[in-house]
Amino acid sequence: MLYQEELIARVRTICEADRGLDAALMYGSFAAGEADAHSDIEFWLFFTPHRRAEIDPAAWCAAIAPTSHVLLNEFGSHVAFFPGLVRGEFHFATADDIPTVATWPARGAAVDRMLLVDRSNALAPVLAALPRHRAPAPDDPDVLTRHCDPLVNWLVLAHHLTARGEHLRAWDALGHAHRHLLWMARLAENSTTHWLTPSRAAEHELSPTTTADLRATTAPADAHSLTTALRAASTLGQRLWATLATRHGQSLPTALFAELDAALDTLPTR
């Protein structure tokens, strides 16, 4: 048994014993049956308003197992670090927040694997109404606007930043381009199971050629490496964009890419 599974069992026991907890669910890799020794444990906890006001999230997490640190992340969830660097992500909410689950893009797992507690039977029907996975429709032409257009925008910006010598900022812009390349690759290869996190299992779900091409678009923050990576990103982006454009009866901005590629050839390499 993985240590995370022991932690999950402890979370379930604590949830079942807390009468001020109206509902609780587990999400992520363990709920989906995709977890390994490096996976997080992740939960939403819906308390009565009175009970939520009493709770200290750090103390609540420490009751599961010893924690070395608990923080509030940028998405509003508490992250606890358990022994072995196991991350636990906990959303401390109230029962009044259960209807907001209906706004989630997908649930990612079977309902019976997600539910830990549902005392008022309010959470199960909301979860059941969600699609298990979220992916764009194969015939949706707007995917080019949502993913191809942002790609070339970030690449042109990264080019200018590299030319200016703002290598760390160019490196950051290239990182934004990477996410759109991953989405484009998944669309082009009809591999959209992990659409919401496109890097998830990409090495196993994308073709070896595309995986190698994606790796070539990564770089340290120096002029030569950034220029090489930008050339690779432009080449891969054009290949993927052409596939999608043909599929949807559209065209790619060949003149813009030609100008970008010519500009990349003039960048300093030192």
Protein backbone atom coordinates (compact mmCIF):
# COMPACT_ATOMS: atom_id res chain seq x y z
CA MET A 1 0.00 0.00 0.00
CA LEU A 2 1.24 3.47 -0.86
CA TYR A 3 1.64 5.89 2.02
CA GLN A 4 -0.83 8.18 0.29
CA GLU A 5 -3.48 5.46 0.55
CA GLU A 6 -2.93 5.34 4.30
CA LEU A 7 -3.39 9.11 4.43
CA ILE A 8 -6.57 8.87 2.36
CA ALA A 9 -7.96 6.29 4.78
CA ARG A 10 -7.21 8.64 7.67
CA VAL A 11 -8.91 11.53 5.88
CA ARG A 12 -11.99 9.36 5.32
CA THR A 13 -12.09 8.37 9.01
CA ILE A 14 -11.78 11.99 10.16
CA CYS A 15 -14.47 13.11 7.72
CA GLU A 16 -16.89 10.39 8.82
CA ALA A 17 -16.36 11.31 12.49
CA ASP A 18 -16.86 15.06 12.02
CA ARG A 19 -20.62 15.67 12.29
CA GLY A 20 -20.04 19.27 11.24
CA LEU A 21 -18.84 18.06 7.84
CA ASP A 22 -21.77 17.87 5.43
CA ALA A 23 -19.91 16.44 2.44
CA ALA A 24 -16.42 15.61 1.22
CA LEU A 25 -14.91 14.41 -2.02
CA MET A 26 -11.54 13.24 -3.28
CA TYR A 27 -10.34 14.24 -6.72
CA GLY A 28 -7.13 13.88 -8.74
CA SER A 29 -4.98 10.88 -9.51
CA PHE A 30 -6.11 8.61 -6.69
CA ALA A 31 -9.78 9.14 -7.48
CA ALA A 32 -9.08 8.49 -11.17
CA GLY A 33 -7.05 5.35 -10.48
CA GLU A 34 -3.92 6.85 -12.07
CA ALA A 35 -1.82 7.46 -8.95
CA ASP A 36 1.70 6.37 -8.13
CA ALA A 37 4.22 7.01 -5.36
CA HIS A 38 4.67 10.62 -6.49
CA SER A 39 0.99 11.58 -6.61
CA ASP A 40 -0.74 14.15 -4.40
CA ILE A 41 -3.86 13.53 -2.34
CA GLU A 42 -6.60 16.08 -3.04
CA PHE A 43 -9.91 16.85 -1.36
CA TRP A 44 -12.84 19.24 -1.17
CA LEU A 45 -14.40 19.52 2.30
CA PHE A 46 -17.86 21.08 2.74
CA PHE A 47 -18.59 21.98 6.38
CA THR A 48 -21.57 23.62 7.97
CA PRO A 49 -20.88 27.37 8.20
CA HIS A 50 -20.63 27.17 11.99
CA ARG A 51 -18.17 24.28 11.89
CA ARG A 52 -16.07 25.91 9.15
CA ALA A 53 -15.67 29.01 11.31
CA GLU A 54 -14.18 26.86 14.06
CA ILE A 55 -11.59 25.10 11.92
CA ASP A 56 -7.91 25.90 11.73
CA PRO A 57 -6.90 24.27 8.42
CA ALA A 58 -3.31 23.65 9.54
CA ALA A 59 -4.48 21.87 12.69
CA TRP A 60 -7.08 19.89 10.74
CA CYS A 61 -4.38 18.64 8.33
CA ALA A 62 -1.98 17.85 11.17
CA ALA A 63 -4.62 15.54 12.65
CA ILE A 64 -4.19 13.32 9.59
CA ALA A 65 -0.43 12.90 9.99
CA PRO A 66 2.56 15.05 10.98
CA THR A 67 3.02 18.04 8.68
CA SER A 68 6.22 19.96 8.02
CA HIS A 69 4.38 22.97 6.60
CA VAL A 70 0.88 24.06 5.55
CA LEU A 71 0.30 26.91 3.13
CA LEU A 72 -2.54 28.64 1.32
CA ASN A 73 -1.84 28.49 -2.40
CA GLU A 74 -2.73 30.94 -5.15
CA PHE A 75 -5.92 28.99 -5.95
CA GLY A 76 -7.35 29.28 -2.45
CA SER A 77 -6.64 25.73 -1.27
CA HIS A 78 -4.47 24.68 1.66
CA VAL A 79 -1.48 22.49 0.83
CA ALA A 80 -0.06 20.28 3.57
CA PHE A 81 3.31 18.56 3.34
CA PHE A 82 3.28 15.13 4.96
CA PRO A 83 6.29 12.81 5.59
CA GLY A 84 8.12 11.80 2.41
CA LEU A 85 7.23 15.14 0.74
CA VAL A 86 3.70 13.92 0.07
CA ARG A 87 1.50 16.86 -0.87
CA GLY A 88 -2.07 17.06 0.34
CA GLU A 89 -4.38 19.64 -1.20
CA PHE A 90 -7.45 20.59 0.83
CA HIS A 91 -10.23 23.00 -0.09
CA PHE A 92 -11.99 24.07 3.10
CA ALA A 93 -15.47 25.17 2.01
CA THR A 94 -19.03 25.18 3.35
CA ALA A 95 -22.12 23.25 2.36
CA ASP A 96 -23.35 26.44 0.70
CA ASP A 97 -20.53 25.97 -1.86
CA ILE A 98 -21.74 22.56 -3.05
CA PRO A 99 -23.78 24.03 -5.96
CA THR A 100 -20.59 25.64 -7.34
CA VAL A 101 -19.31 22.14 -8.13
CA ALA A 102 -21.74 22.24 -11.07
CA THR A 103 -19.48 24.87 -12.68
CA TRP A 104 -16.47 22.52 -12.82
CA PRO A 105 -15.46 21.58 -16.38
CA ALA A 106 -15.31 17.86 -15.48
CA ARG A 107 -15.00 15.55 -12.49
CA GLY A 108 -12.20 13.29 -13.79
CA ALA A 109 -13.28 10.13 -11.95
CA ALA A 110 -16.22 7.92 -11.13
CA VAL A 111 -18.59 9.43 -8.57
CA ASP A 112 -18.34 6.47 -6.18
CA ARG A 113 -14.54 6.83 -6.10
CA MET A 114 -14.79 10.53 -5.32
CA LEU A 115 -17.41 10.66 -2.57
CA LEU A 116 -16.18 10.32 1.01
CA VAL A 117 -19.16 11.80 2.86
CA ASP A 118 -22.53 13.08 1.61
CA ARG A 119 -24.80 13.43 4.63
CA SER A 120 -27.46 15.57 2.98
CA ASN A 121 -27.18 13.79 -0.40
CA ALA A 122 -26.55 17.16 -2.04
CA LEU A 123 -23.12 16.46 -3.51
CA ALA A 124 -23.65 13.17 -5.36
CA PRO A 125 -26.21 14.44 -7.91
CA VAL A 126 -24.11 17.52 -8.68
CA LEU A 127 -21.05 15.35 -9.33
CA ALA A 128 -23.05 12.87 -11.41
CA ALA A 129 -24.26 15.65 -13.69
CA LEU A 130 -20.70 16.61 -14.65
CA PRO A 131 -18.91 14.97 -17.57
CA ARG A 132 -16.13 12.65 -16.47
CA HIS A 133 -13.63 14.24 -18.84
CA ARG A 134 -13.49 17.58 -20.60
CA ALA A 135 -12.19 17.93 -24.12
CA PRO A 136 -13.05 20.21 -27.03
CA ALA A 137 -15.35 18.88 -29.72
CA PRO A 138 -13.33 17.44 -32.64
CA ASP A 139 -15.16 19.69 -35.10
CA ASP A 140 -14.82 22.92 -33.09
CA PRO A 141 -12.99 25.46 -35.29
CA ASP A 142 -12.56 27.83 -32.34
CA VAL A 143 -9.68 25.68 -31.07
CA LEU A 144 -7.43 27.54 -33.50
CA THR A 145 -8.39 30.86 -31.92
CA ARG A 146 -7.98 29.53 -28.39
CA HIS A 147 -4.67 27.73 -28.82
CA CYS A 148 -2.95 28.46 -32.14
CA ASP A 149 -3.31 32.24 -32.04
CA PRO A 150 -1.93 32.52 -28.47
CA LEU A 151 1.04 30.37 -29.48
CA VAL A 152 2.29 32.71 -32.17
CA ASN A 153 1.61 35.71 -29.92
CA TRP A 154 3.93 34.29 -27.22
CA LEU A 155 6.57 33.27 -29.76
CA VAL A 156 6.78 36.74 -31.30
CA LEU A 157 6.99 38.29 -27.84
CA ALA A 158 9.73 35.85 -26.82
CA HIS A 159 11.66 36.76 -29.97
CA HIS A 160 11.59 40.47 -29.12
CA LEU A 161 12.61 39.83 -25.51
CA THR A 162 15.50 37.62 -26.58
CA ALA A 163 16.65 40.30 -29.03
CA ARG A 164 16.47 42.91 -26.27
CA GLY A 165 18.50 40.75 -23.93
CA GLU A 166 15.67 40.14 -21.43
CA HIS A 167 16.45 36.45 -21.39
CA LEU A 168 14.58 35.56 -18.20
CA ARG A 169 11.46 37.30 -19.45
CA ALA A 170 11.81 35.55 -22.82
CA TRP A 171 12.19 32.24 -20.99
CA ASP A 172 8.93 33.01 -19.14
CA ALA A 173 7.11 33.83 -22.41
CA LEU A 174 8.37 30.60 -23.95
CA GLY A 175 6.84 28.74 -21.01
CA HIS A 176 3.42 30.16 -21.91
CA ALA A 177 3.94 29.00 -25.49
CA HIS A 178 4.70 25.48 -24.29
CA ARG A 179 1.23 24.99 -22.82
CA HIS A 180 -0.42 25.93 -26.11
CA LEU A 181 1.92 23.63 -28.01
CA LEU A 182 0.84 20.80 -25.74
CA TRP A 183 -2.83 21.53 -26.37
CA MET A 184 -2.20 21.76 -30.11
CA ALA A 185 -0.32 18.45 -30.03
CA ARG A 186 -3.17 16.74 -28.22
CA LEU A 187 -5.67 18.11 -30.71
CA ALA A 188 -3.57 17.14 -33.71
CA GLU A 189 -3.07 13.59 -32.40
CA ASN A 190 -6.61 13.19 -31.03
CA SER A 191 -5.23 12.52 -27.56
CA THR A 192 -7.36 14.65 -25.24
CA THR A 193 -7.91 12.45 -22.17
CA HIS A 194 -5.83 14.78 -19.99
CA TRP A 195 -7.02 17.94 -21.69
CA LEU A 196 -7.25 20.15 -18.61
CA THR A 197 -3.62 19.40 -17.71
CA PRO A 198 -2.08 18.82 -21.15
CA SER A 199 1.38 17.93 -19.83
CA ARG A 200 -0.08 15.07 -17.75
CA ALA A 201 1.24 11.72 -19.09
CA ALA A 202 2.25 13.48 -22.32
CA GLU A 203 5.28 11.21 -22.73
CA HIS A 204 2.94 8.21 -22.90
CA GLU A 205 0.00 9.71 -24.76
CA LEU A 206 1.71 11.68 -27.53
CA SER A 207 3.79 10.22 -30.34
CA PRO A 208 7.57 9.84 -29.84
CA THR A 209 8.17 12.34 -32.65
CA THR A 210 6.01 15.01 -31.09
CA THR A 211 7.43 14.34 -27.64
CA ALA A 212 10.96 14.81 -28.98
CA ASP A 213 9.90 17.98 -30.82
CA LEU A 214 8.37 19.37 -27.63
CA ARG A 215 11.55 18.71 -25.68
CA ALA A 216 13.50 20.63 -28.32
CA THR A 217 11.44 23.74 -27.52
CA THR A 218 12.79 23.94 -23.95
CA ALA A 219 15.79 26.07 -23.05
CA PRO A 220 17.93 27.68 -20.36
CA ALA A 221 17.71 31.49 -20.20
CA ASP A 222 20.59 32.41 -22.50
CA ALA A 223 20.52 33.89 -26.00
CA HIS A 224 21.75 30.83 -27.91
CA SER A 225 19.51 28.33 -26.12
CA LEU A 226 16.45 30.56 -26.35
CA THR A 227 16.97 31.15 -30.06
CA THR A 228 17.35 27.42 -30.71
CA ALA A 229 14.23 26.64 -28.69
CA LEU A 230 12.21 29.36 -30.42
CA ARG A 231 13.15 27.97 -33.82
CA ALA A 232 12.05 24.51 -32.67
CA ALA A 233 8.79 25.92 -31.27
CA SER A 234 8.07 27.75 -34.52
CA THR A 235 8.71 24.62 -36.58
CA LEU A 236 6.55 22.42 -34.35
CA GLY A 237 3.83 25.05 -34.09
CA GLN A 238 3.59 25.32 -37.87
CA ARG A 239 3.39 21.55 -38.25
CA LEU A 240 0.63 21.18 -35.67
CA TRP A 241 -1.22 24.28 -36.86
CA ALA A 242 -1.19 23.01 -40.46
CA THR A 243 -2.78 19.73 -39.31
CA LEU A 244 -5.52 21.55 -37.43
CA ALA A 245 -6.06 24.15 -40.13
CA THR A 246 -6.53 21.43 -42.75
CA ARG A 247 -8.96 19.60 -40.48
CA HIS A 248 -11.10 22.72 -40.04
CA GLY A 249 -10.76 24.15 -43.54
CA GLN A 250 -8.75 27.15 -42.39
CA SER A 251 -5.31 28.52 -43.14
CA LEU A 252 -2.31 29.27 -40.95
CA PRO A 253 -0.53 32.65 -40.97
CA THR A 254 2.36 31.58 -43.18
CA ALA A 255 3.53 35.17 -43.79
CA LEU A 256 3.79 35.82 -40.06
CA PHE A 257 5.70 32.61 -39.44
CA ALA A 258 8.04 33.36 -42.35
CA GLU A 259 8.81 36.78 -40.88
CA LEU A 260 9.31 35.27 -37.43
CA ASP A 261 11.66 32.59 -38.72
CA ALA A 262 13.69 35.19 -40.63
CA ALA A 263 13.89 37.34 -37.51
CA LEU A 264 15.07 34.39 -35.42
CA ASP A 265 17.96 33.94 -37.82
CA THR A 266 19.18 37.44 -36.91
CA LEU A 267 19.16 36.97 -33.14
CA PRO A 268 22.47 37.07 -31.27
CA THR A 269 23.78 33.72 -30.15
CA ARG A 270 25.93 34.98 -27.29
